[in-house]
Amino acid sequence: ENFQSLIETSGYEKMVENLKEKYSVPLSLVNLENEDLDEYKWKFPPYKLKLPSLLKTHSYINLPKMKTHGTCMVTLGLKNQKGLLLLKNKKKFHLGFRDKNDVYHSNLHECIFELGNLVQPELTICDATLALEGNGPTTNPGLTWVKKLNICIGGTDMVEVDNACCQIMGIPVDLVEHLPKVNVSLAPGSLPLDCEEPFKRPVKRTKPYGNMYHHSSMWTCTGCQMTLTRMNRKIAFNPELREKLKERNKKYERIDFFIGRTEEKDIPDDHGVLLFCGNCTKKYLDYIQ
């Protein structure tokens, strides 16, 4: 039901219909959550990872959008491969894979890197016709901006394509933990990899509304990220909720809002009223009481 709603709202369903009708292109949209899966050897507990069987029977082209990202600095070809995962494993990429003793053996950057070792597309094409800069796609207006570049960057080596994208974005590869630094070779006739204006980078502590500071880390899973995004959008488009928030802001000098696994060192000394969202922050109940 959600998948059908997504392809209708995004226009993908209409696009496929048009291509079939006008050009007789044999296309179909698939929900990878319902496809057959193969088991791959995996570096972290339980040392196996399920991925779509289509990867072994079809050509795989990776089509990321050029974006900055609040957790990973950039989201390009390597991070875009998270779309191959089952929903439950997407969450594990963020929270970390745990063993039987509940000990964590991975973080998000390590998982993205290892997935890149496991699966390589035949072609990666990064769409930078319209890119995003700032805090990334799941944040409020005023924290993320559209950047019009009108270019695409493509190649057969996903890591090399991501390195080329970072050059154009003006973001040093050293700041992208999941991305190895490699030399980029341009094909004959390619445009130079010039950075006309560096992308605005994500900011760790942001102030979405009034005096409310929002804190997140790489341990924040998609579930909490999307919950926060939906909440922010409801507030942004609902005048009544905006007024209620203004009243709340008047009551408290400062509010600090945390999502994802948080360590005590992540809580600033100058914090105000503390709000924690999600199961991962339950341990701070005693702290805030």
Protein backbone atom coordinates (compact mmCIF):
# COMPACT_ATOMS: atom_id res chain seq x y z
CA GLU A 1 0.00 0.00 0.00
CA ASN A 2 2.77 2.45 0.96
CA PHE A 3 4.82 1.46 -2.09
CA GLN A 4 1.86 2.04 -4.42
CA SER A 5 1.22 5.43 -2.85
CA LEU A 6 4.88 6.38 -3.24
CA ILE A 7 5.16 5.52 -6.94
CA GLU A 8 1.92 7.38 -7.67
CA THR A 9 2.85 10.50 -5.70
CA SER A 10 6.44 10.63 -6.98
CA GLY A 11 5.36 10.27 -10.63
CA TYR A 12 7.30 7.05 -11.27
CA GLU A 13 4.17 5.11 -12.17
CA LYS A 14 3.14 7.73 -14.73
CA MET A 15 6.68 7.86 -16.13
CA VAL A 16 6.69 4.09 -16.73
CA GLU A 17 3.28 4.24 -18.40
CA ASN A 18 4.47 7.03 -20.73
CA LEU A 19 7.66 5.19 -21.69
CA LYS A 20 5.71 2.03 -22.46
CA GLU A 21 3.11 3.89 -24.50
CA LYS A 22 5.37 6.25 -26.46
CA TYR A 23 8.53 4.20 -26.91
CA SER A 24 7.47 0.59 -26.20
CA VAL A 25 10.12 0.34 -23.48
CA PRO A 26 9.50 -2.82 -21.40
CA LEU A 27 9.70 -1.40 -17.89
CA SER A 28 8.29 -2.49 -14.55
CA LEU A 29 8.56 -1.10 -11.03
CA VAL A 30 9.49 -3.55 -8.28
CA ASN A 31 9.26 -3.34 -4.52
CA LEU A 32 12.53 -4.92 -3.38
CA GLU A 33 10.95 -5.72 -0.02
CA ASN A 34 8.87 -8.39 -1.80
CA GLU A 35 11.56 -9.79 -4.13
CA ASP A 36 13.51 -13.04 -3.77
CA LEU A 37 16.68 -12.70 -1.70
CA ASP A 38 20.16 -14.22 -1.71
CA GLU A 39 22.36 -14.52 1.35
CA TYR A 40 25.79 -12.85 1.28
CA LYS A 41 28.70 -13.22 3.69
CA TRP A 42 28.75 -10.16 5.95
CA LYS A 43 31.48 -8.73 8.17
CA PHE A 44 29.28 -8.12 11.22
CA PRO A 45 27.02 -10.36 13.38
CA PRO A 46 25.13 -12.48 12.37
CA TYR A 47 27.73 -12.52 9.53
CA LYS A 48 25.19 -12.78 6.72
CA LEU A 49 23.15 -10.19 4.85
CA LYS A 50 20.19 -10.70 2.55
CA LEU A 51 20.11 -8.77 -0.73
CA PRO A 52 17.83 -8.97 -3.81
CA SER A 53 18.43 -11.93 -6.14
CA LEU A 54 18.01 -9.44 -9.01
CA LEU A 55 21.62 -8.37 -8.39
CA LYS A 56 22.76 -11.72 -9.84
CA THR A 57 20.27 -11.95 -12.70
CA HIS A 58 20.06 -8.35 -13.98
CA SER A 59 22.35 -5.43 -14.76
CA TYR A 60 22.45 -3.04 -11.83
CA ILE A 61 22.71 0.73 -12.39
CA ASN A 62 23.01 3.00 -9.35
CA LEU A 63 21.33 6.42 -9.76
CA PRO A 64 22.03 8.57 -6.69
CA LYS A 65 21.09 12.22 -6.30
CA MET A 66 23.88 14.59 -5.26
CA LYS A 67 23.16 15.67 -1.68
CA THR A 68 24.86 16.66 1.53
CA HIS A 69 23.79 14.66 4.58
CA GLY A 70 23.59 15.48 8.28
CA THR A 71 25.12 12.17 9.38
CA CYS A 72 27.39 11.09 6.50
CA MET A 73 28.42 14.52 5.12
CA VAL A 74 27.35 13.40 1.61
CA THR A 75 24.95 10.84 0.20
CA LEU A 76 26.11 9.65 -3.22
CA GLY A 77 26.63 6.25 -4.86
CA LEU A 78 27.91 4.29 -1.87
CA LYS A 79 25.23 5.46 0.54
CA ASN A 80 22.51 5.16 -2.10
CA GLN A 81 23.04 1.39 -2.03
CA LYS A 82 21.14 1.31 1.27
CA GLY A 83 18.12 1.20 -1.03
CA LEU A 84 19.00 -2.46 -1.71
CA LEU A 85 18.40 -3.41 1.92
CA LEU A 86 15.37 -4.80 3.68
CA LEU A 87 13.78 -2.18 5.92
CA LYS A 88 14.87 -4.00 9.09
CA ASN A 89 18.50 -4.01 7.90
CA LYS A 90 18.40 -0.31 7.02
CA LYS A 91 17.69 0.28 10.69
CA LYS A 92 20.57 -2.02 11.71
CA PHE A 93 22.96 -0.04 9.50
CA HIS A 94 22.21 3.01 11.67
CA LEU A 95 21.95 1.34 15.08
CA GLY A 96 24.80 -1.13 14.51
CA PHE A 97 24.88 -4.92 14.19
CA ARG A 98 24.95 -6.62 17.62
CA ASP A 99 26.13 -10.05 18.73
CA LYS A 100 24.34 -12.43 21.15
CA ASN A 101 25.83 -10.54 24.10
CA ASP A 102 24.27 -7.28 22.89
CA VAL A 103 27.68 -5.84 21.97
CA TYR A 104 27.77 -3.52 18.93
CA HIS A 105 30.24 -4.39 16.17
CA SER A 106 29.60 -1.71 13.55
CA ASN A 107 28.55 1.85 12.84
CA LEU A 108 26.81 3.42 9.85
CA HIS A 109 30.00 4.42 8.01
CA GLU A 110 31.51 0.94 8.33
CA CYS A 111 28.30 -0.69 7.07
CA ILE A 112 28.07 1.58 4.02
CA PHE A 113 31.74 0.88 3.20
CA GLU A 114 31.31 -2.90 3.56
CA LEU A 115 28.18 -2.92 1.40
CA GLY A 116 30.26 -1.16 -1.27
CA ASN A 117 32.76 -4.03 -1.09
CA LEU A 118 29.95 -6.56 -1.34
CA VAL A 119 28.03 -5.06 -4.28
CA GLN A 120 29.34 -3.01 -7.21
CA PRO A 121 26.94 -1.62 -9.83
CA GLU A 122 27.87 -1.91 -13.49
CA LEU A 123 27.30 1.83 -13.80
CA THR A 124 26.85 4.70 -11.35
CA ILE A 125 25.30 7.97 -12.56
CA CYS A 126 24.96 10.77 -10.02
CA ASP A 127 22.20 13.23 -10.88
CA ALA A 128 23.37 16.76 -10.06
CA THR A 129 20.94 18.63 -12.29
CA LEU A 130 19.34 19.80 -9.04
CA ALA A 131 21.42 18.99 -5.95
CA LEU A 132 20.89 19.60 -2.24
CA GLU A 133 23.23 21.40 0.17
CA GLY A 134 23.01 21.99 3.89
CA ASN A 135 21.69 19.53 6.44
CA GLY A 136 20.18 17.06 4.00
CA PRO A 137 16.84 15.86 2.65
CA THR A 138 15.00 15.17 5.94
CA THR A 139 15.37 18.60 7.52
CA ASN A 140 13.33 21.78 7.67
CA PRO A 141 13.21 24.63 5.15
CA GLY A 142 16.00 27.07 5.96
CA LEU A 143 18.46 24.26 6.73
CA THR A 144 18.64 22.68 3.27
CA TRP A 145 18.83 24.42 -0.11
CA VAL A 146 18.45 23.34 -3.74
CA LYS A 147 21.57 23.92 -5.85
CA LYS A 148 21.19 23.93 -9.64
CA LEU A 149 24.24 22.45 -11.39
CA ASN A 150 22.73 20.92 -14.56
CA ILE A 151 25.30 18.13 -14.72
CA CYS A 152 25.52 14.35 -14.27
CA ILE A 153 28.61 12.42 -13.19
CA GLY A 154 28.90 8.82 -14.34
CA GLY A 155 31.35 5.95 -14.34
CA THR A 156 31.86 2.23 -13.87
CA ASP A 157 33.70 2.65 -10.55
CA MET A 158 31.28 3.79 -7.84
CA VAL A 159 34.02 4.93 -5.44
CA GLU A 160 35.68 6.98 -8.18
CA VAL A 161 32.33 8.59 -9.09
CA ASP A 162 31.77 9.55 -5.44
CA ASN A 163 35.27 11.06 -5.29
CA ALA A 164 34.52 13.10 -8.42
CA CYS A 165 31.26 14.31 -6.87
CA CYS A 166 33.07 15.44 -3.72
CA GLN A 167 35.45 17.50 -5.86
CA ILE A 168 32.52 19.26 -7.51
CA MET A 169 30.86 19.81 -4.13
CA GLY A 170 34.05 21.26 -2.63
CA ILE A 171 33.96 18.69 0.18
CA PRO A 172 37.25 16.94 1.07
CA VAL A 173 36.94 13.16 0.86
CA ASP A 174 38.67 12.98 4.26
CA LEU A 175 35.44 14.31 5.79
CA VAL A 176 33.40 11.40 4.37
CA GLU A 177 34.11 8.46 6.68
CA HIS A 178 32.63 5.75 4.46
CA LEU A 179 34.43 6.85 1.27
CA PRO A 180 38.00 5.76 0.38
CA LYS A 181 40.08 8.42 -1.36
CA VAL A 182 41.06 7.48 -4.93
CA ASN A 183 42.35 9.27 -8.01
CA VAL A 184 39.73 10.32 -10.56
CA SER A 185 40.36 9.72 -14.27
CA LEU A 186 38.25 11.73 -16.71
CA ALA A 187 37.06 10.23 -19.98
CA PRO A 188 37.88 12.16 -23.20
CA GLY A 189 35.47 15.04 -23.70
CA SER A 190 34.48 15.28 -20.02
CA LEU A 191 34.00 18.64 -18.36
CA PRO A 192 36.63 19.53 -15.73
CA LEU A 193 35.74 18.75 -12.10
CA ASP A 194 35.56 22.39 -11.06
CA CYS A 195 33.94 23.51 -7.82
CA GLU A 196 32.42 26.89 -8.66
CA GLU A 197 31.02 27.35 -5.16
CA PRO A 198 31.48 24.86 -2.29
CA PHE A 199 28.31 23.23 -0.99
CA LYS A 200 27.01 24.38 2.38
CA ARG A 201 27.88 21.62 4.82
CA PRO A 202 25.63 20.06 7.46
CA VAL A 203 25.60 21.65 10.90
CA LYS A 204 25.64 19.36 13.94
CA ARG A 205 23.50 21.54 16.19
CA THR A 206 20.64 23.19 14.39
CA LYS A 207 17.87 25.50 15.54
CA PRO A 208 14.72 24.60 13.57
CA TYR A 209 12.14 26.58 15.58
CA GLY A 210 12.80 29.49 17.89
CA ASN A 211 14.89 28.34 20.82
CA MET A 212 14.69 24.58 20.11
CA TYR A 213 18.02 22.93 19.29
CA HIS A 214 17.98 19.61 17.45
CA HIS A 215 20.76 17.04 18.04
CA SER A 216 21.28 13.80 16.13
CA SER A 217 24.13 11.36 15.50
CA MET A 218 25.07 8.57 13.11
CA TRP A 219 23.21 6.22 15.47
CA THR A 220 19.89 7.81 14.53
CA CYS A 221 17.84 5.35 12.49
CA THR A 222 15.48 6.21 9.65
CA GLY A 223 12.46 5.58 11.90
CA CYS A 224 13.28 8.47 14.24
CA GLN A 225 14.51 10.69 11.40
CA MET A 226 11.25 10.32 9.51
CA THR A 227 9.17 10.78 12.67
CA LEU A 228 10.96 14.05 13.35
CA THR A 229 10.58 15.14 9.73
CA ARG A 230 6.83 14.47 9.77
CA MET A 231 6.49 16.39 13.02
CA ASN A 232 8.42 19.37 11.65
CA ARG A 233 6.33 19.43 8.48
CA LYS A 234 3.08 19.30 10.43
CA ILE A 235 4.24 22.27 12.48
CA ALA A 236 5.44 24.13 9.37
CA PHE A 237 2.09 23.81 7.58
CA ASN A 238 -0.28 24.08 10.56
CA PRO A 239 -0.75 27.64 11.92
CA GLU A 240 -2.34 26.35 15.14
CA LEU A 241 0.64 24.11 15.91
CA ARG A 242 3.05 26.94 15.11
CA GLU A 243 1.29 29.17 17.64
CA LYS A 244 1.42 26.44 20.29
CA LEU A 245 5.14 26.04 19.69
CA LYS A 246 5.68 29.78 20.01
CA GLU A 247 3.92 29.70 23.39
CA ARG A 248 6.09 26.79 24.47
CA ASN A 249 9.21 28.69 23.37
CA LYS A 250 8.17 31.63 25.55
CA LYS A 251 7.86 29.32 28.54
CA TYR A 252 11.38 27.88 28.23
CA GLU A 253 14.55 29.84 27.52
CA ARG A 254 16.00 26.91 25.61
CA ILE A 255 14.96 23.38 24.57
CA ASP A 256 17.39 20.66 23.43
CA PHE A 257 15.86 17.82 21.40
CA PHE A 258 17.79 14.54 20.93
CA ILE A 259 17.17 11.56 18.65
CA GLY A 260 19.24 8.39 18.22
CA ARG A 261 21.79 6.74 20.48
CA THR A 262 23.24 9.55 22.55
CA GLU A 263 26.18 9.64 24.95
CA GLU A 264 26.29 11.90 27.97
CA LYS A 265 29.21 13.79 26.40
CA ASP A 266 26.86 14.75 23.53
CA ILE A 267 24.67 16.80 25.88
CA PRO A 268 26.04 20.38 25.89
CA ASP A 269 26.82 22.07 29.21
CA ASP A 270 24.59 25.01 28.27
CA HIS A 271 21.56 22.79 27.55
CA GLY A 272 18.04 23.85 28.40
CA VAL A 273 15.01 21.62 28.88
CA LEU A 274 15.93 18.17 27.55
CA LEU A 275 13.63 16.22 25.22
CA PHE A 276 14.56 12.70 24.05
CA CYS A 277 12.81 10.84 21.23
CA GLY A 278 12.85 7.08 20.53
CA ASN A 279 13.75 3.85 22.30
CA CYS A 280 17.49 4.51 22.05
CA THR A 281 17.26 7.46 24.47
CA LYS A 282 15.20 5.74 27.20
CA LYS A 283 18.26 5.35 29.40
CA TYR A 284 18.26 9.14 29.93
CA LEU A 285 14.92 9.09 31.75
CA ASP A 286 16.71 9.17 35.12
CA TYR A 287 19.11 11.83 33.84
CA ILE A 288 16.33 14.27 32.95
CA GLN A 289 14.39 13.54 36.14
